Amino acid sequence: MGKFSRTAPAVITSPQNPLIKEIMRIKREPARGAFLIEGPHLVEAALEGGAAFQAVVLSTGFPARHKGEKDKKLLDTLGKTARLFEVPEALFHRLAETTTPQGILAWCSCKEAPLRDFTPAGPALIAVSDGIKEPGNLGALIRAADAAGADACIVTPGSVNVFSPKTLRASAGSFFHLPVMEAGIEELWRYCREKGISLAGADAHRGKSIYAADLKSPIAIAFGSEAHGLTPGFMARADMLLKIPVRGRAESLNVGAAAAVFLFEAARQRSQK
């Protein structure tokens, strides 16, 4: 293991170790100040995104499965900035969220980013989670926002925990690529009013077609849960509703697919001269 980093990992074998107990607690209660990520891809994205690393845990089998130069470079970088620990495979499986873990897990934290301090670089394009309940859907929204070049993603109360391992995995690293902020509906509404940003809601059946709407102007587009749609609190403050015209027999798209269509249509309109 020494060839991977400047400091060889400390070996932990007991599930009663204080670090192991703390990681298990964070697994149950992830938050901005302490959350877990798994796999080389997410760990690398977190490093690039400036997340703070409290500890990195490796399984004993990690070196044998990851011998490439990229993995060696990753662990060498981690060894300079975080405490490294090695645990037996069986214990690592208890710590990991995934059924087939990749042998690396990190305890991270990231700074709070208040919405009031955020200023988009140009005409704002903001994705909003208005009570999305499924981790995979919230992660997909963040990923779509990142891919479409949105400025930020806002997560309102009632949404699933953005720091849950499933949400972070579904974001495929995009959580660390763009600002993801938590804000209440009233705070979001006031922010949009102050910044001249229209507040739009994505609806499966009502509203103006996104292909006929002006998405070049500053806009924040909210997506609700698949079961209940947009929340009453948001609906009371929305400037408009927008929809995707459905031409086939499908009733609607899931949140991730709908968000991608909305946000890439906005990106398409903004790319036109």
Protein backbone atom coordinates (compact mmCIF):
# COMPACT_ATOMS: atom_id res chain seq x y z
CA MET A 1 0.00 0.00 0.00
CA GLY A 2 2.90 2.38 0.61
CA LYS A 3 3.47 2.95 -3.11
CA PHE A 4 0.02 4.51 -3.46
CA SER A 5 0.50 7.40 -1.05
CA ARG A 6 3.10 9.15 1.03
CA THR A 7 1.49 7.83 4.20
CA ALA A 8 0.54 4.17 4.50
CA PRO A 9 -3.08 3.70 5.65
CA ALA A 10 -3.69 2.85 9.28
CA VAL A 11 -5.26 -0.60 9.61
CA ILE A 12 -8.61 -0.97 11.41
CA THR A 13 -10.12 -4.39 12.00
CA SER A 14 -12.71 -3.82 14.74
CA PRO A 15 -16.27 -2.57 14.06
CA GLN A 16 -16.08 -1.00 17.54
CA ASN A 17 -13.39 1.43 16.43
CA PRO A 18 -14.56 5.04 17.02
CA LEU A 19 -14.00 5.99 13.38
CA ILE A 20 -16.06 3.04 12.17
CA LYS A 21 -18.86 3.94 14.56
CA GLU A 22 -18.83 7.56 13.35
CA ILE A 23 -18.95 6.51 9.70
CA MET A 24 -21.91 4.25 10.45
CA ARG A 25 -23.67 7.20 12.10
CA ILE A 26 -23.00 9.43 9.08
CA LYS A 27 -24.32 6.68 6.82
CA ARG A 28 -27.62 6.87 8.71
CA GLU A 29 -27.70 10.68 8.98
CA PRO A 30 -25.80 12.34 6.11
CA ALA A 31 -25.65 16.14 6.06
CA ARG A 32 -23.63 18.94 4.48
CA GLY A 33 -21.17 18.82 7.35
CA ALA A 34 -20.61 15.06 7.10
CA PHE A 35 -21.56 12.74 4.25
CA LEU A 36 -20.13 9.68 2.53
CA ILE A 37 -19.18 9.03 -1.08
CA GLU A 38 -18.10 5.76 -2.69
CA GLY A 39 -16.02 4.80 -5.68
CA PRO A 40 -13.02 6.39 -7.42
CA HIS A 41 -15.16 8.52 -9.76
CA LEU A 42 -17.09 10.30 -7.01
CA VAL A 43 -14.00 10.69 -4.85
CA GLU A 44 -12.12 12.28 -7.74
CA ALA A 45 -15.06 14.60 -8.49
CA ALA A 46 -15.18 15.63 -4.83
CA LEU A 47 -11.46 16.44 -4.88
CA GLU A 48 -11.88 18.55 -8.00
CA GLY A 49 -14.90 20.28 -6.49
CA GLY A 50 -13.03 21.34 -3.36
CA ALA A 51 -14.81 19.13 -0.82
CA ALA A 52 -13.07 18.67 2.52
CA PHE A 53 -11.99 15.10 3.29
CA GLN A 54 -12.06 13.96 6.91
CA ALA A 55 -11.10 10.33 6.26
CA VAL A 56 -10.72 7.87 3.38
CA VAL A 57 -11.35 4.16 3.94
CA LEU A 58 -9.98 1.50 1.61
CA SER A 59 -10.78 -2.18 1.50
CA THR A 60 -7.84 -4.56 1.68
CA GLY A 61 -8.58 -5.66 -1.87
CA PHE A 62 -8.54 -2.16 -3.39
CA PRO A 63 -4.88 -2.15 -4.54
CA ALA A 64 -5.26 -5.47 -6.35
CA ARG A 65 -8.32 -4.25 -8.26
CA HIS A 66 -7.03 -0.75 -8.99
CA LYS A 67 -3.48 -0.83 -10.27
CA GLY A 68 -3.78 1.85 -12.95
CA GLU A 69 -1.81 5.08 -12.87
CA LYS A 70 -5.01 7.10 -12.43
CA ASP A 71 -5.91 5.26 -9.23
CA LYS A 72 -2.35 5.51 -7.91
CA LYS A 73 -2.39 9.27 -8.56
CA LEU A 74 -5.77 9.60 -6.83
CA LEU A 75 -4.58 7.83 -3.70
CA ASP A 76 -1.33 9.75 -3.67
CA THR A 77 -3.32 13.00 -3.71
CA LEU A 78 -5.64 11.75 -0.98
CA GLY A 79 -2.67 10.71 1.11
CA LYS A 80 -1.49 14.32 1.16
CA THR A 81 -4.83 15.78 2.21
CA ALA A 82 -6.72 13.17 4.26
CA ARG A 83 -6.25 10.39 6.78
CA LEU A 84 -6.17 7.00 5.07
CA PHE A 85 -7.47 3.81 6.66
CA GLU A 86 -7.62 0.20 5.50
CA VAL A 87 -10.27 -2.26 6.66
CA PRO A 88 -11.03 -5.92 5.87
CA GLU A 89 -13.43 -6.62 3.00
CA ALA A 90 -16.22 -7.79 5.32
CA LEU A 91 -16.06 -4.61 7.39
CA PHE A 92 -15.92 -2.43 4.28
CA HIS A 93 -19.14 -4.04 3.03
CA ARG A 94 -20.82 -3.00 6.28
CA LEU A 95 -19.74 0.60 5.77
CA ALA A 96 -20.63 0.79 2.09
CA GLU A 97 -24.08 1.61 0.74
CA THR A 98 -23.70 -0.22 -2.56
CA THR A 99 -24.10 -4.00 -2.92
CA THR A 100 -20.90 -4.27 -4.98
CA PRO A 101 -18.60 -1.60 -3.50
CA GLN A 102 -15.51 -0.48 -5.38
CA GLY A 103 -13.25 -0.50 -2.35
CA ILE A 104 -12.93 3.20 -1.56
CA LEU A 105 -15.14 5.33 0.65
CA ALA A 106 -14.64 8.90 1.85
CA TRP A 107 -16.09 10.94 4.68
CA CYS A 108 -16.51 14.45 3.29
CA SER A 109 -17.98 17.83 4.11
CA CYS A 110 -18.67 20.92 2.03
CA LYS A 111 -19.27 24.55 2.85
CA GLU A 112 -22.73 26.05 3.02
CA ALA A 113 -23.54 28.19 -0.03
CA PRO A 114 -26.32 30.65 0.88
CA LEU A 115 -28.63 31.46 -2.00
CA ARG A 116 -28.52 35.18 -1.17
CA ASP A 117 -24.79 35.23 -1.94
CA PHE A 118 -25.11 33.49 -5.32
CA THR A 119 -24.83 35.55 -8.52
CA PRO A 120 -25.19 33.80 -11.91
CA ALA A 121 -22.57 34.68 -14.51
CA GLY A 122 -25.18 35.56 -17.17
CA PRO A 123 -28.92 35.17 -17.71
CA ALA A 124 -29.76 32.71 -14.96
CA LEU A 125 -30.77 29.13 -15.66
CA ILE A 126 -31.56 27.42 -12.37
CA ALA A 127 -33.05 23.98 -11.70
CA VAL A 128 -35.21 23.59 -8.60
CA SER A 129 -36.20 20.44 -6.72
CA ASP A 130 -39.64 21.21 -5.29
CA GLY A 131 -40.20 18.23 -3.03
CA ILE A 132 -38.62 15.49 -5.16
CA LYS A 133 -38.77 12.36 -2.99
CA GLU A 134 -36.67 9.80 -4.86
CA PRO A 135 -32.87 10.01 -4.49
CA GLY A 136 -32.36 8.81 -8.05
CA ASN A 137 -34.62 11.56 -9.41
CA LEU A 138 -32.90 14.32 -7.46
CA GLY A 139 -29.49 13.03 -8.53
CA ALA A 140 -30.69 12.90 -12.14
CA LEU A 141 -31.93 16.50 -11.89
CA ILE A 142 -28.54 17.67 -10.64
CA ARG A 143 -26.81 15.70 -13.39
CA ALA A 144 -29.09 17.16 -16.09
CA ALA A 145 -28.55 20.69 -14.76
CA ASP A 146 -24.80 20.23 -14.89
CA ALA A 147 -24.88 18.71 -18.37
CA ALA A 148 -27.07 21.51 -19.77
CA GLY A 149 -24.83 24.20 -18.33
CA ALA A 150 -27.27 25.47 -15.71
CA ASP A 151 -25.95 27.89 -13.11
CA ALA A 152 -27.19 26.07 -10.02
CA CYS A 153 -29.63 23.61 -8.51
CA ILE A 154 -31.83 24.68 -5.60
CA VAL A 155 -33.26 22.05 -3.25
CA THR A 156 -36.32 23.04 -1.20
CA PRO A 157 -37.55 21.55 2.09
CA GLY A 158 -39.51 18.35 1.60
CA SER A 159 -37.07 17.08 -1.02
CA VAL A 160 -35.05 13.93 -0.36
CA ASN A 161 -31.72 14.45 1.40
CA VAL A 162 -29.31 15.72 -1.23
CA PHE A 163 -26.40 14.26 0.75
CA SER A 164 -27.74 10.70 0.79
CA PRO A 165 -25.35 8.25 -0.91
CA LYS A 166 -28.01 7.31 -3.49
CA THR A 167 -28.57 10.94 -4.49
CA LEU A 168 -24.86 11.62 -4.79
CA ARG A 169 -24.29 8.48 -6.86
CA ALA A 170 -27.18 9.34 -9.17
CA SER A 171 -25.64 12.77 -9.76
CA ALA A 172 -22.58 10.95 -11.20
CA GLY A 173 -20.25 13.57 -9.74
CA SER A 174 -22.29 16.57 -10.93
CA PHE A 175 -23.08 17.49 -7.32
CA PHE A 176 -19.46 18.66 -7.11
CA HIS A 177 -19.50 20.46 -10.48
CA LEU A 178 -22.13 23.15 -9.88
CA PRO A 179 -23.59 24.99 -6.88
CA VAL A 180 -26.26 22.91 -5.12
CA MET A 181 -28.00 25.04 -2.50
CA GLU A 182 -30.81 24.49 -0.04
CA ALA A 183 -33.46 27.19 0.32
CA GLY A 184 -37.10 27.56 1.30
CA ILE A 185 -39.81 28.49 -1.20
CA GLU A 186 -40.21 31.99 0.27
CA GLU A 187 -36.45 32.59 0.15
CA LEU A 188 -36.31 31.34 -3.44
CA TRP A 189 -39.24 33.55 -4.45
CA ARG A 190 -37.67 36.66 -2.91
CA TYR A 191 -34.31 35.87 -4.51
CA CYS A 192 -35.89 35.54 -7.95
CA ARG A 193 -37.77 38.82 -7.50
CA GLU A 194 -34.61 40.66 -6.51
CA LYS A 195 -32.59 39.20 -9.39
CA GLY A 196 -35.26 39.52 -12.08
CA ILE A 197 -35.59 35.76 -12.53
CA SER A 198 -38.89 34.21 -13.63
CA LEU A 199 -40.09 31.33 -11.47
CA ALA A 200 -41.52 28.55 -13.62
CA GLY A 201 -42.98 25.17 -12.74
CA ALA A 202 -42.73 22.05 -14.87
CA ASP A 203 -46.17 20.46 -15.24
CA ALA A 204 -47.09 17.29 -17.09
CA HIS A 205 -50.29 18.65 -18.62
CA ARG A 206 -50.78 22.37 -17.96
CA GLY A 207 -49.01 25.49 -19.10
CA LYS A 208 -47.20 26.74 -22.16
CA SER A 209 -45.13 24.46 -24.35
CA ILE A 210 -41.43 24.81 -23.64
CA TYR A 211 -40.88 25.12 -27.39
CA ALA A 212 -43.08 28.24 -27.51
CA ALA A 213 -41.80 29.76 -24.26
CA ASP A 214 -38.91 32.19 -23.93
CA LEU A 215 -36.23 30.28 -22.06
CA LYS A 216 -33.46 32.71 -22.97
CA SER A 217 -34.44 35.13 -20.23
CA PRO A 218 -33.39 34.49 -16.61
CA ILE A 219 -35.47 31.59 -15.33
CA ALA A 220 -35.66 29.09 -12.49
CA ILE A 221 -37.54 25.90 -13.41
CA ALA A 222 -38.97 23.76 -10.61
CA PHE A 223 -39.63 20.02 -10.82
CA GLY A 224 -41.90 18.29 -8.32
CA SER A 225 -42.29 14.70 -7.20
CA GLU A 226 -43.66 12.18 -9.67
CA ALA A 227 -46.45 11.21 -7.27
CA HIS A 228 -47.66 14.69 -6.24
CA GLY A 229 -46.19 17.21 -8.64
CA LEU A 230 -45.34 20.74 -7.56
CA THR A 231 -46.11 21.73 -3.97
CA PRO A 232 -48.94 24.15 -3.14
CA GLY A 233 -46.38 26.57 -1.68
CA PHE A 234 -44.53 26.76 -4.96
CA MET A 235 -47.69 26.93 -7.07
CA ALA A 236 -48.81 29.98 -5.10
CA ARG A 237 -45.64 31.84 -6.12
CA ALA A 238 -44.95 30.53 -9.64
CA ASP A 239 -44.97 33.04 -12.48
CA MET A 240 -45.87 30.40 -15.05
CA LEU A 241 -46.30 26.72 -15.77
CA LEU A 242 -44.48 24.99 -18.63
CA LYS A 243 -45.00 21.60 -20.19
CA ILE A 244 -43.41 19.21 -22.67
CA PRO A 245 -45.84 18.33 -25.47
CA VAL A 246 -46.24 14.55 -25.40
CA ARG A 247 -46.92 13.08 -28.85
CA GLY A 248 -47.12 9.41 -28.01
CA ARG A 249 -49.32 7.55 -25.55
CA ALA A 250 -47.05 7.96 -22.53
CA GLU A 251 -48.74 10.02 -19.85
CA SER A 252 -45.54 11.86 -18.94
CA LEU A 253 -41.78 11.59 -18.50
CA ASN A 254 -39.99 10.82 -15.27
CA VAL A 255 -38.32 13.68 -13.45
CA GLY A 256 -34.82 13.05 -14.76
CA ALA A 257 -35.91 12.80 -18.40
CA ALA A 258 -38.22 15.82 -18.12
CA ALA A 259 -35.51 17.92 -16.52
CA ALA A 260 -33.08 17.04 -19.30
CA VAL A 261 -35.61 18.06 -21.98
CA PHE A 262 -36.44 21.34 -20.23
CA LEU A 263 -32.88 22.37 -19.49
CA PHE A 264 -31.44 21.39 -22.84
CA GLU A 265 -34.22 23.27 -24.62
CA ALA A 266 -33.20 26.32 -22.61
CA ALA A 267 -29.57 25.70 -23.56
CA ARG A 268 -30.57 25.32 -27.25
CA GLN A 269 -32.46 28.59 -27.26
CA ARG A 270 -29.56 30.40 -25.62
CA SER A 271 -27.10 29.05 -28.17
CA GLN A 272 -29.03 30.60 -31.05
CA LYS A 273 -27.83 33.94 -32.31
